Protein backbone atom coordinates (compact mmCIF):
# COMPACT_ATOMS: atom_id res chain seq x y z
CA MET A 1 -172.40 23.79 -193.91
CA SER A 2 -173.33 24.16 -197.58
CA ARG A 3 -175.49 27.16 -196.62
CA GLY A 4 -172.40 28.81 -195.17
CA TYR A 5 -173.76 28.95 -191.62
CA THR A 6 -175.29 26.72 -189.00
CA PRO A 7 -178.52 28.05 -187.47
CA ALA A 8 -177.97 26.13 -184.22
CA SER A 9 -174.62 27.85 -183.75
CA TYR A 10 -176.19 31.30 -184.04
CA ILE A 11 -178.91 30.34 -181.57
CA ALA A 12 -176.37 28.91 -179.10
CA GLN A 13 -174.13 31.99 -179.35
CA TYR A 14 -177.11 34.26 -178.67
CA LEU A 15 -178.17 32.18 -175.66
CA ALA A 16 -174.61 32.19 -174.31
CA ARG A 17 -174.34 35.98 -174.67
CA THR A 18 -177.68 36.72 -173.05
CA THR A 19 -177.20 34.26 -170.18
CA ARG A 20 -173.48 35.02 -169.80
CA LEU A 21 -172.67 31.34 -169.92
CA PRO A 22 -169.68 29.91 -171.82
CA TYR A 23 -170.11 28.82 -175.41
CA ALA A 24 -168.21 26.09 -177.22
CA TYR A 25 -169.03 24.15 -180.33
CA LEU A 26 -168.70 20.61 -181.60
CA LEU A 27 -166.68 19.96 -184.72
CA ARG A 28 -167.45 17.47 -187.46
CA SER A 29 -164.80 14.96 -188.33
CA HIS A 30 -166.03 14.50 -191.90
CA LEU A 31 -168.87 15.27 -194.26
CA HIS A 32 -171.69 12.77 -194.10
CA THR A 33 -174.49 11.55 -196.31
CA ALA A 34 -177.51 13.86 -196.16
CA GLN A 35 -179.80 12.69 -193.37
CA LYS A 36 -183.06 13.60 -195.10
CA SER A 37 -183.42 10.37 -197.10
CA LEU A 38 -182.30 8.03 -194.29
CA ASN A 39 -184.40 6.17 -191.72
CA ARG A 40 -183.61 6.48 -187.99
CA ALA A 41 -181.20 3.52 -187.82
CA GLU A 42 -179.35 4.73 -190.92
CA ARG A 43 -179.14 8.26 -189.46
CA LEU A 44 -177.60 6.92 -186.24
CA ARG A 45 -175.05 4.88 -188.22
CA ASN A 46 -174.34 7.83 -190.50
CA LEU A 47 -173.36 10.02 -187.54
CA THR A 48 -171.19 7.50 -185.67
CA GLY A 49 -167.85 9.14 -184.91
CA MET A 50 -169.00 12.37 -186.55
CA PHE A 51 -168.46 14.87 -183.72
CA PHE A 52 -165.55 15.85 -181.51
CA THR A 53 -165.01 18.68 -179.05
CA ALA A 54 -162.85 21.64 -180.01
CA ASP A 55 -160.50 20.76 -177.15
CA HIS A 56 -160.51 17.00 -177.81
CA SER A 57 -156.71 16.73 -177.62
CA SER A 58 -156.61 18.49 -174.24
CA LYS A 59 -156.46 16.43 -171.06
CA ASN A 60 -159.04 18.72 -169.38
CA SER A 61 -162.05 19.21 -171.62
CA LEU A 62 -164.12 22.40 -171.34
CA CYS A 63 -167.14 20.27 -170.54
CA GLU A 64 -165.38 18.11 -167.91
CA GLY A 65 -167.79 17.78 -164.97
CA GLN A 66 -170.21 20.35 -166.44
CA HIS A 67 -173.93 20.27 -167.10
CA VAL A 68 -174.00 20.99 -170.85
CA VAL A 69 -176.82 22.39 -172.98
CA LEU A 70 -176.73 21.13 -176.56
CA VAL A 71 -178.57 23.47 -178.93
CA ASP A 72 -180.09 22.28 -182.20
CA ASP A 73 -182.37 24.11 -184.60
CA VAL A 74 -184.59 21.19 -185.68
CA ILE A 75 -184.83 17.68 -184.26
CA THR A 76 -186.10 15.02 -186.63
CA SER A 77 -184.99 11.55 -185.54
CA CYS A 78 -182.84 12.55 -182.54
CA ALA A 79 -179.82 10.96 -184.29
CA THR A 80 -177.76 14.16 -184.24
CA ALA A 81 -178.70 14.88 -180.62
CA ILE A 82 -177.75 11.34 -179.61
CA ALA A 83 -174.40 11.36 -181.44
CA ALA A 84 -173.50 14.83 -180.14
CA SER A 85 -174.57 13.97 -176.58
CA GLN A 86 -172.45 10.83 -176.61
CA THR A 87 -169.45 12.90 -177.70
CA LEU A 88 -170.00 15.41 -174.89
CA LEU A 89 -170.43 12.67 -172.28
CA GLN A 90 -167.25 10.95 -173.49
CA ALA A 91 -165.47 14.32 -173.18
CA GLY A 92 -166.45 14.35 -169.50
CA ALA A 93 -169.76 16.24 -169.34
CA ARG A 94 -171.71 15.39 -166.21
CA SER A 95 -175.01 15.64 -168.11
CA VAL A 96 -176.33 16.86 -171.45
CA GLU A 97 -179.65 18.62 -171.96
CA VAL A 98 -180.89 19.14 -175.53
CA TRP A 99 -182.70 22.36 -176.47
CA ALA A 100 -184.26 22.73 -179.90
CA ILE A 101 -186.34 25.36 -181.65
CA ALA A 102 -188.46 22.85 -183.58
CA ARG A 103 -189.31 19.15 -183.77
CA THR A 104 -190.59 17.46 -186.88
CA PRO A 105 -193.80 15.44 -186.50
CA MET A 106 -193.34 11.80 -185.47
CA HIS A 107 -194.54 9.29 -188.09
């Protein structure tokens, strides 16, 4: 957000346009501590309650009963993918598949 754009959003929009599939985005409920200095457990805690769907107040979520593709640019600890997937499943998604451009090496 401090860069003024989110790479994953651009990638997801491109994929949606080229595949002619619907696109929606997750919103952040608050700013969080930078993940880079945190271990995996701290990253998971840091992201608890972070995301919500754009239609979270609606009775029928856009992802209700859908197979959802979650797009991320880089996966490090999987904390963001886990937190975002949980949000989508709670919003009624039937399943969530995570697509990423890159994965950092496991230590």
